[in-house]
Amino acid sequence: MAKIKKGDLVQVISGATQARGGSRGKQGRVIEVLVEKNRVIVEGVNYVTKHVRQGQTQRGTKTGGIETHEAPIHISNVALVDPETKKPTRVGHRNEQVTKNGVTKTVRVRYAKKSGKDL
């Protein structure tokens, strides 16, 4: 089970500060997790400009030009945000017993290590 998933609120914990044009300290939602590359794409963090070749659609409108969008950031450079304190925290796992319709099942649950709250 991954520690950071799509939709989680994370904070950038390393890199250049915002005063120097970096993203450290910024918070955002995870848009995508690239498991094989150990990277995540975070909303509003690590913007890059990309030059796309100009073209035309069937209707004659122009496409392309200079676009900005989020680039991947290494998963070790972000930390999950604690829902209680709104500060970065580590993630833990624990097994809980859940009874549903008379059947007991063991479920693995993620929790914030600082506050102990389920995520």
PDB file of N, CA and C in Angstrom:
ATOM      1  N   MET A   1       0.851  -1.179   0.000  1.00  0.00           N
ATOM      2  CA  MET A   1       0.000   0.000   0.000  1.00  0.00           C
ATOM      3  C   MET A   1       0.896   1.242   0.000  1.00  0.00           C
ATOM      4  N   ALA A   2       0.638   2.143  -0.924  1.00  0.00           N
ATOM      5  CA  ALA A   2       1.454   3.347  -1.046  1.00  0.00           C
ATOM      6  C   ALA A   2       1.147   4.330   0.076  1.00  0.00           C
ATOM      7  N   LYS A   3       2.151   5.109   0.447  1.00  0.00           N
ATOM      8  CA  LYS A   3       1.956   6.087   1.512  1.00  0.00           C
ATOM      9  C   LYS A   3       1.223   7.324   1.009  1.00  0.00           C
ATOM     10  N   ILE A   4       1.435   7.700  -0.252  1.00  0.00           N
ATOM     11  CA  ILE A   4       0.762   8.865  -0.823  1.00  0.00           C
ATOM     12  C   ILE A   4      -0.073   8.392  -2.002  1.00  0.00           C
ATOM     13  N   LYS A   5      -1.334   8.829  -2.029  1.00  0.00           N
ATOM     14  CA  LYS A   5      -2.267   8.407  -3.073  1.00  0.00           C
ATOM     15  C   LYS A   5      -2.843   9.620  -3.788  1.00  0.00           C
ATOM     16  N   LYS A   6      -3.493   9.351  -4.913  1.00  0.00           N
ATOM     17  CA  LYS A   6      -4.162  10.397  -5.679  1.00  0.00           C
ATOM     18  C   LYS A   6      -5.254  11.031  -4.817  1.00  0.00           C
ATOM     19  N   GLY A   7      -5.297  12.366  -4.801  1.00  0.00           N
ATOM     20  CA  GLY A   7      -6.302  13.078  -4.027  1.00  0.00           C
ATOM     21  C   GLY A   7      -5.837  13.516  -2.647  1.00  0.00           C
ATOM     22  N   ASP A   8      -4.686  13.030  -2.191  1.00  0.00           N
ATOM     23  CA  ASP A   8      -4.163  13.425  -0.876  1.00  0.00           C
ATOM     24  C   ASP A   8      -3.671  14.869  -0.913  1.00  0.00           C
ATOM     25  N   LEU A   9      -3.781  15.545   0.233  1.00  0.00           N
ATOM     26  CA  LEU A   9      -3.225  16.883   0.386  1.00  0.00           C
ATOM     27  C   LEU A   9      -1.798  16.733   0.893  1.00  0.00           C
ATOM     28  N   VAL A  10      -0.820  17.253   0.123  1.00  0.00           N
ATOM     29  CA  VAL A  10       0.592  17.111   0.480  1.00  0.00           C
ATOM     30  C   VAL A  10       1.256  18.483   0.525  1.00  0.00           C
ATOM     31  N   GLN A  11       2.433  18.534   1.174  1.00  0.00           N
ATOM     32  CA  GLN A  11       3.231  19.753   1.248  1.00  0.00           C
ATOM     33  C   GLN A  11       4.642  19.429   0.784  1.00  0.00           C
ATOM     34  N   VAL A  12       5.233  20.349   0.003  1.00  0.00           N
ATOM     35  CA  VAL A  12       6.610  20.179  -0.463  1.00  0.00           C
ATOM     36  C   VAL A  12       7.533  20.496   0.706  1.00  0.00           C
ATOM     37  N   ILE A  13       8.448  19.560   1.028  1.00  0.00           N
ATOM     38  CA  ILE A  13       9.302  19.730   2.204  1.00  0.00           C
ATOM     39  C   ILE A  13      10.758  19.977   1.854  1.00  0.00           C
ATOM     40  N   SER A  14      11.128  19.945   0.565  1.00  0.00           N
ATOM     41  CA  SER A  14      12.518  20.207   0.203  1.00  0.00           C
ATOM     42  C   SER A  14      12.576  20.951  -1.115  1.00  0.00           C
ATOM     43  N   GLY A  15      13.746  21.486  -1.414  1.00  0.00           N
ATOM     44  CA  GLY A  15      13.933  22.255  -2.633  1.00  0.00           C
ATOM     45  C   GLY A  15      14.119  23.720  -2.314  1.00  0.00           C
ATOM     46  N   ALA A  16      14.056  24.548  -3.345  1.00  0.00           N
ATOM     47  CA  ALA A  16      14.247  25.987  -3.177  1.00  0.00           C
ATOM     48  C   ALA A  16      13.039  26.606  -2.476  1.00  0.00           C
ATOM     49  N   THR A  17      13.309  27.635  -1.667  1.00  0.00           N
ATOM     50  CA  THR A  17      12.224  28.323  -0.960  1.00  0.00           C
ATOM     51  C   THR A  17      11.402  29.144  -1.952  1.00  0.00           C
ATOM     52  N   GLN A  18      10.231  29.581  -1.516  1.00  0.00           N
ATOM     53  CA  GLN A  18       9.365  30.372  -2.389  1.00  0.00           C
ATOM     54  C   GLN A  18       9.983  31.734  -2.696  1.00  0.00           C
ATOM     55  N   ALA A  19      10.802  32.246  -1.769  1.00  0.00           N
ATOM     56  CA  ALA A  19      11.470  33.526  -2.001  1.00  0.00           C
ATOM     57  C   ALA A  19      12.474  33.426  -3.145  1.00  0.00           C
ATOM     58  N   ARG A  20      12.995  32.237  -3.385  1.00  0.00           N
ATOM     59  CA  ARG A  20      13.969  32.024  -4.461  1.00  0.00           C
ATOM     60  C   ARG A  20      13.339  31.390  -5.690  1.00  0.00           C
ATOM     61  N   GLY A  21      12.028  31.404  -5.746  1.00  0.00           N
ATOM     62  CA  GLY A  21      11.342  30.898  -6.932  1.00  0.00           C
ATOM     63  C   GLY A  21      11.019  29.419  -6.888  1.00  0.00           C
ATOM     64  N   GLY A  22      11.181  28.784  -5.739  1.00  0.00           N
ATOM     65  CA  GLY A  22      10.913  27.360  -5.615  1.00  0.00           C
ATOM     66  C   GLY A  22       9.521  27.075  -5.106  1.00  0.00           C
ATOM     67  N   SER A  23       9.310  25.839  -4.672  1.00  0.00           N
ATOM     68  CA  SER A  23       7.984  25.403  -4.235  1.00  0.00           C
ATOM     69  C   SER A  23       7.947  24.924  -2.794  1.00  0.00           C
ATOM     70  N   ARG A  24       9.055  25.020  -2.039  1.00  0.00           N
ATOM     71  CA  ARG A  24       9.067  24.506  -0.675  1.00  0.00           C
ATOM     72  C   ARG A  24       8.030  25.232   0.183  1.00  0.00           C
ATOM     73  N   GLY A  25       7.233  24.461   0.910  1.00  0.00           N
ATOM     74  CA  GLY A  25       6.197  25.015   1.770  1.00  0.00           C
ATOM     75  C   GLY A  25       4.827  25.076   1.131  1.00  0.00           C
ATOM     76  N   LYS A  26       4.749  24.913  -0.177  1.00  0.00           N
ATOM     77  CA  LYS A  26       3.452  24.952  -0.862  1.00  0.00           C
ATOM     78  C   LYS A  26       2.678  23.667  -0.609  1.00  0.00           C
ATOM     79  N   GLN A  27       1.358  23.792  -0.527  1.00  0.00           N
ATOM     80  CA  GLN A  27       0.482  22.641  -0.353  1.00  0.00           C
ATOM     81  C   GLN A  27      -0.410  22.500  -1.573  1.00  0.00           C
ATOM     82  N   GLY A  28      -0.759  21.261  -1.905  1.00  0.00           N
ATOM     83  CA  GLY A  28      -1.641  21.013  -3.031  1.00  0.00           C
ATOM     84  C   GLY A  28      -2.101  19.565  -3.053  1.00  0.00           C
ATOM     85  N   ARG A  29      -3.107  19.288  -3.858  1.00  0.00           N
ATOM     86  CA  ARG A  29      -3.646  17.938  -4.006  1.00  0.00           C
ATOM     87  C   ARG A  29      -2.839  17.164  -5.033  1.00  0.00           C
ATOM     88  N   VAL A  30      -2.700  15.861  -4.806  1.00  0.00           N
ATOM     89  CA  VAL A  30      -1.989  14.994  -5.734  1.00  0.00           C
ATOM     90  C   VAL A  30      -2.905  14.705  -6.918  1.00  0.00           C
ATOM     91  N   ILE A  31      -2.451  15.047  -8.122  1.00  0.00           N
ATOM     92  CA  ILE A  31      -3.214  14.804  -9.338  1.00  0.00           C
ATOM     93  C   ILE A  31      -2.966  13.386  -9.836  1.00  0.00           C
ATOM     94  N   GLU A  32      -1.689  12.964  -9.779  1.00  0.00           N
ATOM     95  CA  GLU A  32      -1.313  11.663 -10.334  1.00  0.00           C
ATOM     96  C   GLU A  32      -0.093  11.130  -9.597  1.00  0.00           C
ATOM     97  N   VAL A  33      -0.027   9.811  -9.435  1.00  0.00           N
ATOM     98  CA  VAL A  33       1.122   9.157  -8.826  1.00  0.00           C
ATOM     99  C   VAL A  33       1.780   8.291  -9.899  1.00  0.00           C
ATOM    100  N   LEU A  34       3.057   8.550 -10.180  1.00  0.00           N
ATOM    101  CA  LEU A  34       3.820   7.764 -11.150  1.00  0.00           C
ATOM    102  C   LEU A  34       4.644   6.743 -10.375  1.00  0.00           C
ATOM    103  N   VAL A  35       4.083   5.549 -10.172  1.00  0.00           N
ATOM    104  CA  VAL A  35       4.664   4.548  -9.283  1.00  0.00           C
ATOM    105  C   VAL A  35       6.022   4.065  -9.778  1.00  0.00           C
ATOM    106  N   GLU A  36       6.138   3.801 -11.064  1.00  0.00           N
ATOM    107  CA  GLU A  36       7.381   3.233 -11.594  1.00  0.00           C
ATOM    108  C   GLU A  36       8.540   4.216 -11.544  1.00  0.00           C
ATOM    109  N   LYS A  37       8.251   5.520 -11.501  1.00  0.00           N
ATOM    110  CA  LYS A  37       9.301   6.544 -11.435  1.00  0.00           C
ATOM    111  C   LYS A  37       9.438   7.154 -10.041  1.00  0.00           C
ATOM    112  N   ASN A  38       8.605   6.735  -9.067  1.00  0.00           N
ATOM    113  CA  ASN A  38       8.601   7.272  -7.704  1.00  0.00           C
ATOM    114  C   ASN A  38       8.388   8.779  -7.693  1.00  0.00           C
ATOM    115  N   ARG A  39       7.427   9.251  -8.481  1.00  0.00           N
ATOM    116  CA  ARG A  39       7.146  10.675  -8.579  1.00  0.00           C
ATOM    117  C   ARG A  39       5.650  10.938  -8.461  1.00  0.00           C
ATOM    118  N   VAL A  40       5.321  12.167  -8.066  1.00  0.00           N
ATOM    119  CA  VAL A  40       3.923  12.584  -7.993  1.00  0.00           C
ATOM    120  C   VAL A  40       3.771  13.925  -8.707  1.00  0.00           C
ATOM    121  N   ILE A  41       2.569  14.174  -9.227  1.00  0.00           N
ATOM    122  CA  ILE A  41       2.245  15.463  -9.820  1.00  0.00           C
ATOM    123  C   ILE A  41       1.280  16.139  -8.866  1.00  0.00           C
ATOM    124  N   VAL A  42       1.679  17.319  -8.359  1.00  0.00           N
ATOM    125  CA  VAL A  42       0.910  18.035  -7.355  1.00  0.00           C
ATOM    126  C   VAL A  42       0.324  19.297  -7.980  1.00  0.00           C
ATOM    127  N   GLU A  43      -0.943  19.556  -7.681  1.00  0.00           N
ATOM    128  CA  GLU A  43      -1.659  20.708  -8.223  1.00  0.00           C
ATOM    129  C   GLU A  43      -1.054  22.006  -7.700  1.00  0.00           C
ATOM    130  N   GLY A  44      -0.649  22.901  -8.618  1.00  0.00           N
ATOM    131  CA  GLY A  44      -0.126  24.207  -8.236  1.00  0.00           C
ATOM    132  C   GLY A  44       1.331  24.222  -7.828  1.00  0.00           C
ATOM    133  N   VAL A  45       2.052  23.118  -8.013  1.00  0.00           N
ATOM    134  CA  VAL A  45       3.446  23.016  -7.581  1.00  0.00           C
ATOM    135  C   VAL A  45       4.316  22.604  -8.767  1.00  0.00           C
ATOM    136  N   ASN A  46       5.532  23.174  -8.849  1.00  0.00           N
ATOM    137  CA  ASN A  46       6.527  22.808  -9.854  1.00  0.00           C
ATOM    138  C   ASN A  46       6.031  23.071 -11.279  1.00  0.00           C
ATOM    139  N   TYR A  47       5.620  24.308 -11.535  1.00  0.00           N
ATOM    140  CA  TYR A  47       5.177  24.680 -12.875  1.00  0.00           C
ATOM    141  C   TYR A  47       6.360  24.781 -13.828  1.00  0.00           C
ATOM    142  N   VAL A  48       6.171  24.292 -15.058  1.00  0.00           N
ATOM    143  CA  VAL A  48       7.173  24.411 -16.110  1.00  0.00           C
ATOM    144  C   VAL A  48       6.486  24.966 -17.351  1.00  0.00           C
ATOM    145  N   THR A  49       7.263  25.705 -18.170  1.00  0.00           N
ATOM    146  CA  THR A  49       6.722  26.197 -19.435  1.00  0.00           C
ATOM    147  C   THR A  49       7.147  25.245 -20.536  1.00  0.00           C
ATOM    148  N   LYS A  50       6.212  24.923 -21.399  1.00  0.00           N
ATOM    149  CA  LYS A  50       6.471  23.974 -22.476  1.00  0.00           C
ATOM    150  C   LYS A  50       6.092  24.639 -23.795  1.00  0.00           C
ATOM    151  N   HIS A  51       6.980  24.575 -24.769  1.00  0.00           N
ATOM    152  CA  HIS A  51       6.699  25.128 -26.095  1.00  0.00           C
ATOM    153  C   HIS A  51       6.111  24.027 -26.962  1.00  0.00           C
ATOM    154  N   VAL A  52       4.886  24.247 -27.422  1.00  0.00           N
ATOM    155  CA  VAL A  52       4.181  23.264 -28.244  1.00  0.00           C
ATOM    156  C   VAL A  52       4.057  23.835 -29.649  1.00  0.00           C
ATOM    157  N   ARG A  53       4.369  23.030 -30.637  1.00  0.00           N
ATOM    158  CA  ARG A  53       4.323  23.483 -32.025  1.00  0.00           C
ATOM    159  C   ARG A  53       2.918  23.947 -32.394  1.00  0.00           C
ATOM    160  N   GLN A  54       2.846  25.077 -33.088  1.00  0.00           N
ATOM    161  CA  GLN A  54       1.549  25.604 -33.464  1.00  0.00           C
ATOM    162  C   GLN A  54       0.966  24.807 -34.618  1.00  0.00           C
ATOM    163  N   GLY A  55      -0.355  24.626 -34.540  1.00  0.00           N
ATOM    164  CA  GLY A  55      -1.060  23.918 -35.594  1.00  0.00           C
ATOM    165  C   GLY A  55      -2.430  24.520 -35.770  1.00  0.00           C
ATOM    166  N   GLN A  56      -3.232  23.861 -36.592  1.00  0.00           N
ATOM    167  CA  GLN A  56      -4.588  24.327 -36.825  1.00  0.00           C
ATOM    168  C   GLN A  56      -5.549  23.163 -36.704  1.00  0.00           C
ATOM    169  N   THR A  57      -6.727  23.453 -36.157  1.00  0.00           N
ATOM    170  CA  THR A  57      -7.769  22.428 -36.109  1.00  0.00           C
ATOM    171  C   THR A  57      -8.571  22.477 -37.405  1.00  0.00           C
ATOM    172  N   GLN A  58      -9.562  21.618 -37.518  1.00  0.00           N
ATOM    173  CA  GLN A  58     -10.404  21.580 -38.716  1.00  0.00           C
ATOM    174  C   GLN A  58     -11.166  22.888 -38.909  1.00  0.00           C
ATOM    175  N   ARG A  59     -11.496  23.558 -37.815  1.00  0.00           N
ATOM    176  CA  ARG A  59     -12.266  24.812 -37.893  1.00  0.00           C
ATOM    177  C   ARG A  59     -11.377  26.015 -38.177  1.00  0.00           C
ATOM    178  N   GLY A  60     -10.065  25.843 -38.119  1.00  0.00           N
ATOM    179  CA  GLY A  60      -9.164  26.942 -38.433  1.00  0.00           C
ATOM    180  C   GLY A  60      -8.614  27.664 -37.217  1.00  0.00           C
ATOM    181  N   THR A  61      -8.937  27.209 -35.984  1.00  0.00           N
ATOM    182  CA  THR A  61      -8.397  27.862 -34.790  1.00  0.00           C
ATOM    183  C   THR A  61      -6.972  27.391 -34.552  1.00  0.00           C
ATOM    184  N   LYS A  62      -6.178  28.286 -33.992  1.00  0.00           N
ATOM    185  CA  LYS A  62      -4.770  27.970 -33.729  1.00  0.00           C
ATOM    186  C   LYS A  62      -4.643  27.156 -32.440  1.00  0.00           C
ATOM    187  N   THR A  63      -3.717  26.212 -32.441  1.00  0.00           N
ATOM    188  CA  THR A  63      -3.395  25.436 -31.246  1.00  0.00           C
ATOM    189  C   THR A  63      -1.906  25.557 -30.991  1.00  0.00           C
ATOM    190  N   GLY A  64      -1.501  25.212 -29.776  1.00  0.00           N
ATOM    191  CA  GLY A  64      -0.073  25.232 -29.451  1.00  0.00           C
ATOM    192  C   GLY A  64       0.357  26.547 -28.863  1.00  0.00           C
ATOM    193  N   GLY A  65       1.656  26.834 -28.932  1.00  0.00           N
ATOM    194  CA  GLY A  65       2.221  28.031 -28.331  1.00  0.00           C
ATOM    195  C   GLY A  65       2.941  27.679 -27.045  1.00  0.00           C
ATOM    196  N   ILE A  66       2.999  28.626 -26.108  1.00  0.00           N
ATOM    197  CA  ILE A  66       3.664  28.398 -24.832  1.00  0.00           C
ATOM    198  C   ILE A  66       2.608  28.024 -23.799  1.00  0.00           C
ATOM    199  N   GLU A  67       2.770  26.853 -23.184  1.00  0.00           N
ATOM    200  CA  GLU A  67       1.838  26.353 -22.179  1.00  0.00           C
ATOM    201  C   GLU A  67       2.581  26.130 -20.870  1.00  0.00           C
ATOM    202  N   THR A  68       1.890  26.310 -19.748  1.00  0.00           N
ATOM    203  CA  THR A  68       2.471  25.994 -18.450  1.00  0.00           C
ATOM    204  C   THR A  68       1.620  24.921 -17.788  1.00  0.00           C
ATOM    205  N   HIS A  69       2.298  23.942 -17.187  1.00  0.00           N
ATOM    206  CA  HIS A  69       1.600  22.901 -16.438  1.00  0.00           C
ATOM    207  C   HIS A  69       2.535  22.304 -15.407  1.00  0.00           C
ATOM    208  N   GLU A  70       1.970  21.471 -14.522  1.00  0.00           N
ATOM    209  CA  GLU A  70       2.741  20.902 -13.426  1.00  0.00           C
ATOM    210  C   GLU A  70       3.646  19.784 -13.930  1.00  0.00           C
ATOM    211  N   ALA A  71       4.866  19.747 -13.402  1.00  0.00           N
ATOM    212  CA  ALA A  71       5.818  18.691 -13.717  1.00  0.00           C
ATOM    213  C   ALA A  71       5.907  17.748 -12.511  1.00  0.00           C
ATOM    214  N   PRO A  72       6.340  16.500 -12.729  1.00  0.00           N
ATOM    215  CA  PRO A  72       6.468  15.566 -11.607  1.00  0.00           C
ATOM    216  C   PRO A  72       7.538  16.013 -10.612  1.00  0.00           C
ATOM    217  N   ILE A  73       7.321  15.639  -9.349  1.00  0.00           N
ATOM    218  CA  ILE A  73       8.271  15.915  -8.273  1.00  0.00           C
ATOM    219  C   ILE A  73       8.493  14.599  -7.540  1.00  0.00           C
ATOM    220  N   HIS A  74       9.707  14.372  -7.040  1.00  0.00           N
ATOM    221  CA  HIS A  74      10.011  13.099  -6.395  1.00  0.00           C
ATOM    222  C   HIS A  74       9.175  12.924  -5.135  1.00  0.00           C
ATOM    223  N   ILE A  75       8.738  11.688  -4.912  1.00  0.00           N
ATOM    224  CA  ILE A  75       7.818  11.392  -3.812  1.00  0.00           C
ATOM    225  C   ILE A  75       8.453  11.626  -2.447  1.00  0.00           C
ATOM    226  N   SER A  76       9.797  11.589  -2.362  1.00  0.00           N
ATOM    227  CA  SER A  76      10.467  11.819  -1.087  1.00  0.00           C
ATOM    228  C   SER A  76      10.507  13.298  -0.725  1.00  0.00           C
ATOM    229  N   ASN A  77      10.198  14.177  -1.675  1.00  0.00           N
ATOM    230  CA  ASN A  77      10.229  15.614  -1.438  1.00  0.00           C
ATOM    231  C   ASN A  77       8.884  16.177  -0.987  1.00  0.00           C
ATOM    232  N   VAL A  78       7.876  15.305  -0.836  1.00  0.00           N
ATOM    233  CA  VAL A  78       6.573  15.754  -0.357  1.00  0.00           C
ATOM    234  C   VAL A  78       6.186  14.945   0.874  1.00  0.00           C
ATOM    235  N   ALA A  79       5.373  15.561   1.743  1.00  0.00           N
ATOM    236  CA  ALA A  79       4.872  14.881   2.936  1.00  0.00           C
ATOM    237  C   ALA A  79       3.375  15.112   3.022  1.00  0.00           C
ATOM    238  N   LEU A  80       2.661  14.119   3.494  1.00  0.00           N
ATOM    239  CA  LEU A  80       1.224  14.220   3.662  1.00  0.00           C
ATOM    240  C   LEU A  80       0.897  15.254   4.735  1.00  0.00           C
ATOM    241  N   VAL A  81      -0.186  16.002   4.545  1.00  0.00           N
ATOM    242  CA  VAL A  81      -0.591  17.031   5.503  1.00  0.00           C
ATOM    243  C   VAL A  81      -1.569  16.416   6.496  1.00  0.00           C
ATOM    244  N   ASP A  82      -1.288  16.635   7.789  1.00  0.00           N
ATOM    245  CA  ASP A  82      -2.152  16.142   8.862  1.00  0.00           C
ATOM    246  C   ASP A  82      -3.485  16.878   8.801  1.00  0.00           C
ATOM    247  N   PRO A  83      -4.624  16.168   8.771  1.00  0.00           N
ATOM    248  CA  PRO A  83      -5.918  16.852   8.670  1.00  0.00           C
ATOM    249  C   PRO A  83      -6.260  17.694   9.905  1.00  0.00           C
ATOM    250  N   GLU A  84      -5.644  17.398  11.044  1.00  0.00           N
ATOM    251  CA  GLU A  84      -5.955  18.118  12.280  1.00  0.00           C
ATOM    252  C   GLU A  84      -5.111  19.383  12.439  1.00  0.00           C
ATOM    253  N   THR A  85      -3.786  19.269  12.227  1.00  0.00           N
ATOM    254  CA  THR A  85      -2.876  20.401  12.464  1.00  0.00           C
ATOM    255  C   THR A  85      -2.510  21.168  11.197  1.00  0.00           C
ATOM    256  N   LYS A  86      -2.836  20.641  10.032  1.00  0.00           N
ATOM    257  CA  LYS A  86      -2.504  21.250   8.730  1.00  0.00           C
ATOM    258  C   LYS A  86      -0.996  21.406   8.530  1.00  0.00           C
ATOM    259  N   LYS A  87      -0.212  20.515   9.165  1.00  0.00           N
ATOM    260  CA  LYS A  87       1.239  20.504   9.012  1.00  0.00           C
ATOM    261  C   LYS A  87       1.662  19.143   8.474  1.00  0.00           C
ATOM    262  N   PRO A  88       2.873  19.057   7.860  1.00  0.00           N
ATOM    263  CA  PRO A  88       3.300  17.769   7.308  1.00  0.00           C
ATOM    264  C   PRO A  88       3.498  16.718   8.393  1.00  0.00           C
ATOM    265  N   THR A  89       3.189  15.479   8.045  1.00  0.00           N
ATOM    266  CA  THR A  89       3.315  14.372   8.983  1.00  0.00           C
ATOM    267  C   THR A  89       3.717  13.116   8.233  1.00  0.00           C
ATOM    268  N   ARG A  90       4.147  12.120   8.986  1.00  0.00           N
ATOM    269  CA  ARG A  90       4.439  10.819   8.397  1.00  0.00           C
ATOM    270  C   ARG A  90       3.165   9.988   8.381  1.00  0.00           C
ATOM    271  N   VAL A  91       3.197   8.937   7.571  1.00  0.00           N
ATOM    272  CA  VAL A  91       2.020   8.079   7.424  1.00  0.00           C
ATOM    273  C   VAL A  91       2.322   6.726   8.033  1.00  0.00           C
ATOM    274  N   GLY A  92       1.373   6.204   8.803  1.00  0.00           N
ATOM    275  CA  GLY A  92       1.500   4.873   9.370  1.00  0.00           C
ATOM    276  C   GLY A  92       0.352   3.999   8.905  1.00  0.00           C
ATOM    277  N   HIS A  93       0.495   2.695   9.106  1.00  0.00           N
ATOM    278  CA  HIS A  93      -0.555   1.733   8.758  1.00  0.00           C
ATOM    279  C   HIS A  93      -0.871   0.914   9.989  1.00  0.00           C
ATOM    280  N   ARG A  94      -2.137   0.593  10.164  1.00  0.00           N
ATOM    281  CA  ARG A  94      -2.534  -0.317  11.229  1.00  0.00           C
ATOM    282  C   ARG A  94      -3.690  -1.168  10.727  1.00  0.00           C
ATOM    283  N   ASN A  95      -3.784  -2.377  11.279  1.00  0.00           N
ATOM    284  CA  ASN A  95      -4.849  -3.296  10.914  1.00  0.00           C
ATOM    285  C   ASN A  95      -5.987  -3.162  11.917  1.00  0.00           C
ATOM    286  N   GLU A  96      -7.202  -3.026  11.398  1.00  0.00           N
ATOM    287  CA  GLU A  96      -8.378  -2.912  12.251  1.00  0.00           C
ATOM    288  C   GLU A  96      -9.380  -3.996  11.883  1.00  0.00           C
ATOM    289  N   GLN A  97     -10.097  -4.461  12.895  1.00  0.00           N
ATOM    290  CA  GLN A  97     -11.137  -5.467  12.686  1.00  0.00           C
ATOM    291  C   GLN A  97     -12.459  -4.748  12.391  1.00  0.00           C
ATOM    292  N   VAL A  98     -13.100  -5.103  11.287  1.00  0.00           N
ATOM    293  CA  VAL A  98     -14.374  -4.511  10.896  1.00  0.00           C
ATOM    294  C   VAL A  98     -15.384  -5.634  10.743  1.00  0.00           C
ATOM    295  N   THR A  99     -16.546  -5.462  11.391  1.00  0.00           N
ATOM    296  CA  THR A  99     -17.602  -6.464  11.288  1.00  0.00           C
ATOM    297  C   THR A  99     -18.721  -5.904  10.427  1.00  0.00           C
ATOM    298  N   LYS A 100     -19.055  -6.647   9.371  1.00  0.00           N
ATOM    299  CA  LYS A 100     -20.117  -6.222   8.461  1.00  0.00           C
ATOM    300  C   LYS A 100     -20.972  -7.437   8.132  1.00  0.00           C
ATOM    301  N   ASN A 101     -22.256  -7.348   8.444  1.00  0.00           N
ATOM    302  CA  ASN A 101     -23.216  -8.442   8.210  1.00  0.00           C
ATOM    303  C   ASN A 101     -22.783  -9.734   8.908  1.00  0.00           C
ATOM    304  N   GLY A 102     -22.210  -9.606  10.103  1.00  0.00           N
ATOM    305  CA  GLY A 102     -21.793 -10.767  10.875  1.00  0.00           C
ATOM    306  C   GLY A 102     -20.463 -11.366  10.463  1.00  0.00           C
ATOM    307  N   VAL A 103     -19.786 -10.756   9.478  1.00  0.00           N
ATOM    308  CA  VAL A 103     -18.497 -11.261   9.000  1.00  0.00           C
ATOM    309  C   VAL A 103     -17.407 -10.301   9.474  1.00  0.00           C
ATOM    310  N   THR A 104     -16.407 -10.831  10.185  1.00  0.00           N
ATOM    311  CA  THR A 104     -15.298 -10.016  10.661  1.00  0.00           C
ATOM    312  C   THR A 104     -14.191 -10.027   9.619  1.00  0.00           C
ATOM    313  N   LYS A 105     -13.711  -8.830   9.307  1.00  0.00           N
ATOM    314  CA  LYS A 105     -12.708  -8.676   8.256  1.00  0.00           C
ATOM    315  C   LYS A 105     -11.594  -7.774   8.779  1.00  0.00           C
ATOM    316  N   THR A 106     -10.349  -8.053   8.404  1.00  0.00           N
ATOM    317  CA  THR A 106      -9.224  -7.208   8.782  1.00  0.00           C
ATOM    318  C   THR A 106      -8.966  -6.211   7.656  1.00  0.00           C
ATOM    319  N   VAL A 107      -8.949  -4.906   8.014  1.00  0.00           N
ATOM    320  CA  VAL A 107      -8.759  -3.843   7.033  1.00  0.00           C
ATOM    321  C   VAL A 107      -7.518  -3.055   7.409  1.00  0.00           C
ATOM    322  N   ARG A 108      -6.685  -2.742   6.435  1.00  0.00           N
ATOM    323  CA  ARG A 108      -5.484  -1.948   6.660  1.00  0.00           C
ATOM    324  C   ARG A 108      -5.843  -0.473   6.501  1.00  0.00           C
ATOM    325  N   VAL A 109      -5.531   0.346   7.509  1.00  0.00           N
ATOM    326  CA  VAL A 109      -5.934   1.747   7.539  1.00  0.00           C
ATOM    327  C   VAL A 109      -4.698   2.636   7.620  1.00  0.00           C
ATOM    328  N   ARG A 110      -4.693   3.723   6.835  1.00  0.00           N
ATOM    329  CA  ARG A 110      -3.627   4.723   6.931  1.00  0.00           C
ATOM    330  C   ARG A 110      -3.987   5.734   8.006  1.00  0.00           C
ATOM    331  N   TYR A 111      -2.980   6.202   8.769  1.00  0.00           N
ATOM    332  CA  TYR A 111      -3.224   7.221   9.781  1.00  0.00           C
ATOM    333  C   TYR A 111      -2.048   8.181   9.861  1.00  0.00           C
ATOM    334  N   ALA A 112      -2.327   9.404  10.336  1.00  0.00           N
ATOM    335  CA  ALA A 112      -1.289  10.419  10.515  1.00  0.00           C
ATOM    336  C   ALA A 112      -0.568  10.135  11.822  1.00  0.00           C
ATOM    337  N   LYS A 113       0.757  10.064  11.780  1.00  0.00           N
ATOM    338  CA  LYS A 113       1.529   9.697  12.963  1.00  0.00           C
ATOM    339  C   LYS A 113       1.518  10.792  14.030  1.00  0.00           C
ATOM    340  N   LYS A 114       1.398  12.078  13.634  1.00  0.00           N
ATOM    341  CA  LYS A 114       1.424  13.153  14.627  1.00  0.00           C
ATOM    342  C   LYS A 114       0.153  13.188  15.463  1.00  0.00           C
ATOM    343  N   SER A 115      -1.007  13.080  14.810  1.00  0.00           N
ATOM    344  CA  SER A 115      -2.263  13.205  15.554  1.00  0.00           C
ATOM    345  C   SER A 115      -2.946  11.861  15.790  1.00  0.00           C
ATOM    346  N   GLY A 116      -2.583  10.833  15.021  1.00  0.00           N
ATOM    347  CA  GLY A 116      -3.222   9.523  15.162  1.00  0.00           C
ATOM    348  C   GLY A 116      -4.543   9.415  14.441  1.00  0.00           C
ATOM    349  N   LYS A 117      -4.905  10.441  13.681  1.00  0.00           N
ATOM    350  CA  LYS A 117      -6.189  10.484  12.974  1.00  0.00           C
ATOM    351  C   LYS A 117      -6.135   9.673  11.691  1.00  0.00           C
ATOM    352  N   ASP A 118      -7.235   8.989  11.349  1.00  0.00           N
ATOM    353  CA  ASP A 118      -7.306   8.221  10.099  1.00  0.00           C
ATOM    354  C   ASP A 118      -7.323   9.151   8.900  1.00  0.00           C
ATOM    355  N   LEU A 119      -6.737   8.662   7.808  1.00  0.00           N
ATOM    356  CA  LEU A 119      -6.702   9.458   6.577  1.00  0.00           C
ATOM    357  C   LEU A 119      -7.686   8.916   5.566  1.00  0.00           C
TER     358      LEU A 119
END
